[in-house]
Amino acid sequence: MTKQHANWSPYDNNGGSCVAIAGADYCVIAADTRMSTGYNILTRDYSKISQLAEKCVMASSGFQADVKALQKVLSARHLIYQHQHNKQMSCPAMAQLLSNTLYYKRFFPYYAFNVLGGLDNEGKGCVFTYDAVGSYERVGYSSQGSGSTLIMPFLDNQLKSPSPLLLPAKDAVTPLSESEAVDLVKTVFASATERDIYTGDKVEIVILNASGTRREYMDLRKD
């Protein structure tokens, strides 16, 4: 009989789902608050959303220890930027910084799948979606995490962005009003929670617009 060796891995997947939707003058970023490993729930009240700058918010799923390390690096880099430039980083600048930070660790990556949302220099909503090694794209809406395979088809059906191949290029923003976008986010999470065991408990929704940032919460299934 061959000997079975226990395989140790430096990574874990703590599950959870993140969604971001960009509008004409707002951005909605949301994530559930469940953190799991395997069939165990570690906590039902863990925020996956981090405010990186005044007009820039990141939601991350994957391995939460790596996510925390990534947030610390971005926070330190942003502080240096503020001392050097005497202003907050814009959302597109933060998007590039996040890409560089992830790519720098490409041979031992942060096991973190991020969506970045906020307002650009013109005050329009912007969403950037990433893989674990820093490849990113500006889109009108995106989803990451364990429930993304359930959420993304729903968003595609409701919000289909114009093809990036169409010329002249169209803005990647959704035609919904702010309240409609928040309602859609609540609907997709209620739907994903029914089928994904790693998504549930509560959804945290962050809304960014010209007047600032506000948060909303909605309870999800606890089982």
Protein backbone atom coordinates (compact mmCIF):
# COMPACT_ATOMS: atom_id res chain seq x y z
CA MET A 1 0.00 0.00 0.00
CA THR A 2 1.36 3.45 -0.94
CA LYS A 3 1.87 5.89 1.89
CA GLN A 4 -0.56 8.82 1.93
CA HIS A 5 1.19 12.11 2.67
CA ALA A 6 -0.75 14.99 4.13
CA ASN A 7 -0.47 17.90 1.70
CA TRP A 8 0.01 21.24 3.38
CA SER A 9 -1.06 24.35 1.48
CA PRO A 10 -0.16 27.97 2.29
CA TYR A 11 -3.59 28.97 0.93
CA ASP A 12 -7.20 28.49 1.95
CA ASN A 13 -10.41 29.71 0.32
CA ASN A 14 -12.69 31.47 2.79
CA GLY A 15 -15.52 31.84 0.26
CA GLY A 16 -17.91 34.77 -0.04
CA SER A 17 -19.11 36.87 -2.95
CA CYS A 18 -18.47 40.46 -4.08
CA VAL A 19 -20.36 42.63 -6.58
CA ALA A 20 -19.78 46.13 -7.97
CA ILE A 21 -21.95 48.21 -10.31
CA ALA A 22 -20.95 51.57 -11.85
CA GLY A 23 -23.58 54.18 -12.74
CA ALA A 24 -23.47 57.59 -14.39
CA ASP A 25 -22.66 59.39 -11.10
CA TYR A 26 -22.48 56.64 -8.48
CA CYS A 27 -20.91 53.28 -7.71
CA VAL A 28 -22.36 50.42 -5.65
CA ILE A 29 -19.99 47.87 -4.07
CA ALA A 30 -21.35 44.95 -2.06
CA ALA A 31 -20.16 41.77 -0.36
CA ASP A 32 -21.61 39.21 2.03
CA THR A 33 -20.25 38.91 5.57
CA ARG A 34 -19.83 35.11 5.90
CA MET A 35 -16.31 33.70 6.27
CA SER A 36 -15.94 29.92 5.97
CA THR A 37 -13.41 27.16 5.59
CA GLY A 38 -14.63 23.85 4.18
CA TYR A 39 -18.00 23.11 5.80
CA ASN A 40 -17.30 25.34 8.84
CA ILE A 41 -18.46 28.92 9.28
CA LEU A 42 -15.68 30.85 11.05
CA THR A 43 -17.73 34.04 11.51
CA ARG A 44 -21.02 35.44 10.24
CA ASP A 45 -19.99 39.09 10.54
CA TYR A 46 -16.75 39.71 8.63
CA SER A 47 -16.55 42.73 6.30
CA LYS A 48 -14.88 42.00 2.95
CA ILE A 49 -15.05 45.68 1.96
CA SER A 50 -12.18 48.11 2.49
CA GLN A 51 -12.19 51.87 1.86
CA LEU A 52 -8.82 52.54 0.18
CA ALA A 53 -9.33 56.23 -0.58
CA GLU A 54 -12.03 58.90 -0.40
CA LYS A 55 -13.59 57.81 -3.70
CA CYS A 56 -12.32 54.25 -3.94
CA VAL A 57 -13.53 51.03 -2.29
CA MET A 58 -12.29 47.45 -2.69
CA ALA A 59 -14.23 44.23 -2.09
CA SER A 60 -12.19 41.02 -1.92
CA SER A 61 -12.91 37.32 -1.70
CA GLY A 62 -10.51 34.36 -1.57
CA PHE A 63 -8.00 33.83 1.25
CA GLN A 64 -8.77 36.51 3.86
CA ALA A 65 -5.25 36.43 5.41
CA ASP A 66 -3.83 37.42 2.01
CA VAL A 67 -6.59 40.01 1.58
CA LYS A 68 -5.60 41.61 4.94
CA ALA A 69 -1.91 41.65 3.90
CA LEU A 70 -2.86 43.23 0.55
CA GLN A 71 -5.00 45.91 2.25
CA LYS A 72 -2.07 46.81 4.55
CA VAL A 73 0.31 47.20 1.58
CA LEU A 74 -2.18 49.37 -0.35
CA SER A 75 -2.87 51.49 2.73
CA ALA A 76 0.87 52.11 3.27
CA ARG A 77 1.43 52.93 -0.41
CA HIS A 78 -1.53 55.32 -0.35
CA LEU A 79 -0.13 57.11 2.71
CA ILE A 80 3.21 57.62 0.90
CA TYR A 81 1.31 58.95 -2.15
CA GLN A 82 -0.60 61.43 0.05
CA HIS A 83 2.65 62.75 1.62
CA GLN A 84 4.27 63.14 -1.81
CA HIS A 85 1.33 64.62 -3.75
CA ASN A 86 -0.71 66.26 -0.99
CA LYS A 87 -3.95 64.71 -2.25
CA GLN A 88 -5.94 61.45 -2.21
CA MET A 89 -5.34 58.91 -4.95
CA SER A 90 -7.99 58.76 -7.67
CA CYS A 91 -9.82 55.50 -8.32
CA PRO A 92 -8.12 54.79 -11.71
CA ALA A 93 -4.70 55.45 -10.07
CA MET A 94 -5.55 53.07 -7.21
CA ALA A 95 -6.67 50.51 -9.81
CA GLN A 96 -3.23 50.64 -11.44
CA LEU A 97 -1.49 50.46 -8.03
CA LEU A 98 -3.51 47.35 -7.11
CA SER A 99 -2.59 45.73 -10.43
CA ASN A 100 1.13 46.47 -9.89
CA THR A 101 0.98 45.19 -6.29
CA LEU A 102 -0.62 41.91 -7.35
CA TYR A 103 1.72 41.44 -10.34
CA TYR A 104 4.79 42.04 -8.15
CA LYS A 105 3.79 38.91 -6.17
CA ARG A 106 2.94 36.83 -9.26
CA PHE A 107 5.31 33.94 -8.37
CA PHE A 108 3.72 33.52 -4.92
CA PRO A 109 0.43 35.39 -5.44
CA TYR A 110 -1.98 36.96 -3.02
CA TYR A 111 -4.88 34.48 -3.23
CA ALA A 112 -7.32 37.38 -3.44
CA PHE A 113 -9.94 38.12 -6.06
CA ASN A 114 -10.81 41.79 -6.03
CA VAL A 115 -13.32 44.24 -7.43
CA LEU A 116 -12.49 47.91 -7.10
CA GLY A 117 -15.25 50.50 -7.34
CA GLY A 118 -15.47 54.26 -7.03
CA LEU A 119 -15.69 57.53 -8.92
CA ASP A 120 -13.20 58.63 -11.58
CA ASN A 121 -11.82 62.17 -12.13
CA GLU A 122 -14.99 63.19 -14.00
CA GLY A 123 -17.27 61.96 -11.19
CA LYS A 124 -18.51 58.95 -13.20
CA GLY A 125 -18.83 55.54 -11.57
CA CYS A 126 -16.03 53.10 -12.36
CA VAL A 127 -15.51 49.40 -11.64
CA PHE A 128 -12.28 47.47 -12.11
CA THR A 129 -12.17 43.68 -11.96
CA TYR A 130 -9.03 41.60 -11.26
CA ASP A 131 -7.55 38.14 -11.29
CA ALA A 132 -5.07 37.00 -8.59
CA VAL A 133 -1.98 38.19 -10.52
CA GLY A 134 -3.03 41.72 -11.42
CA SER A 135 -4.66 41.47 -14.86
CA TYR A 136 -7.45 44.03 -14.76
CA GLU A 137 -10.15 45.65 -16.85
CA ARG A 138 -12.51 48.59 -16.44
CA VAL A 139 -16.10 47.36 -16.71
CA GLY A 140 -19.64 48.55 -15.96
CA TYR A 141 -20.28 45.78 -13.43
CA SER A 142 -18.50 42.74 -12.05
CA SER A 143 -18.62 39.94 -9.52
CA GLN A 144 -15.93 37.86 -7.77
CA GLY A 145 -15.92 35.01 -5.29
CA SER A 146 -17.66 31.71 -4.69
CA GLY A 147 -21.06 32.98 -5.87
CA SER A 148 -19.76 34.81 -8.96
CA THR A 149 -20.72 31.96 -11.32
CA LEU A 150 -24.33 32.41 -10.16
CA ILE A 151 -24.32 36.22 -9.97
CA MET A 152 -22.55 37.12 -13.24
CA PRO A 153 -25.12 35.58 -15.65
CA PHE A 154 -27.87 37.44 -13.75
CA LEU A 155 -26.00 40.77 -14.10
CA ASP A 156 -25.23 40.06 -17.78
CA ASN A 157 -28.93 39.51 -18.40
CA GLN A 158 -29.96 42.73 -16.62
CA LEU A 159 -27.12 45.10 -17.50
CA LYS A 160 -25.28 43.77 -20.60
CA SER A 161 -22.40 46.19 -21.28
CA PRO A 162 -21.71 47.31 -24.84
CA SER A 163 -19.00 45.20 -26.49
CA PRO A 164 -15.49 46.68 -26.01
CA LEU A 165 -14.97 45.93 -29.74
CA LEU A 166 -17.67 48.39 -30.86
CA LEU A 167 -16.43 51.69 -32.25
CA PRO A 168 -16.74 54.42 -31.20
CA ALA A 169 -16.20 53.02 -27.67
CA LYS A 170 -19.21 53.41 -25.38
CA ASP A 171 -19.07 54.22 -21.66
CA ALA A 172 -19.06 51.10 -19.48
CA VAL A 173 -21.72 52.44 -17.11
CA THR A 174 -25.10 50.92 -16.37
CA PRO A 175 -28.35 52.68 -17.26
CA LEU A 176 -29.91 52.13 -13.81
CA SER A 177 -30.60 54.77 -11.20
CA GLU A 178 -28.79 54.48 -7.86
CA SER A 179 -31.78 53.00 -5.99
CA GLU A 180 -32.44 50.49 -8.80
CA ALA A 181 -28.79 49.36 -8.67
CA VAL A 182 -29.00 48.85 -4.88
CA ASP A 183 -32.22 46.84 -5.31
CA LEU A 184 -30.55 44.71 -8.02
CA VAL A 185 -27.59 43.98 -5.72
CA LYS A 186 -29.98 42.87 -2.96
CA THR A 187 -31.77 40.60 -5.45
CA VAL A 188 -28.58 38.94 -6.77
CA PHE A 189 -27.34 38.21 -3.24
CA ALA A 190 -30.69 36.78 -2.13
CA SER A 191 -30.56 34.57 -5.24
CA ALA A 192 -26.91 33.44 -4.83
CA THR A 193 -27.43 32.66 -1.12
CA GLU A 194 -30.03 30.03 -2.08
CA ARG A 195 -27.49 28.00 -4.07
CA ASP A 196 -24.02 28.81 -2.66
CA ILE A 197 -23.20 27.56 0.84
CA TYR A 198 -20.30 30.05 1.17
CA THR A 199 -22.52 33.11 0.64
CA GLY A 200 -24.98 34.20 3.31
CA ASP A 201 -25.74 35.76 6.72
CA LYS A 202 -25.73 39.43 5.67
CA VAL A 203 -24.88 41.63 2.69
CA GLU A 204 -22.97 44.88 3.22
CA ILE A 205 -23.61 47.50 0.51
CA VAL A 206 -21.44 50.61 0.08
CA ILE A 207 -22.80 53.42 -2.11
CA LEU A 208 -20.38 56.10 -3.37
CA ASN A 209 -21.60 59.31 -4.99
CA ALA A 210 -20.73 63.02 -5.15
CA SER A 211 -22.09 63.61 -1.64
CA GLY A 212 -19.90 60.90 -0.07
CA THR A 213 -20.18 57.30 1.10
CA ARG A 214 -23.03 55.49 2.81
CA ARG A 215 -23.61 51.88 3.90
CA GLU A 216 -26.66 49.65 3.86
CA TYR A 217 -27.14 46.15 5.25
CA MET A 218 -29.63 43.39 4.44
CA ASP A 219 -29.97 40.03 6.21
CA LEU A 220 -29.54 36.86 4.15
CA ARG A 221 -30.13 33.18 4.94
CA LYS A 222 -28.24 31.94 7.97
CA ASP A 223 -28.09 28.25 6.98
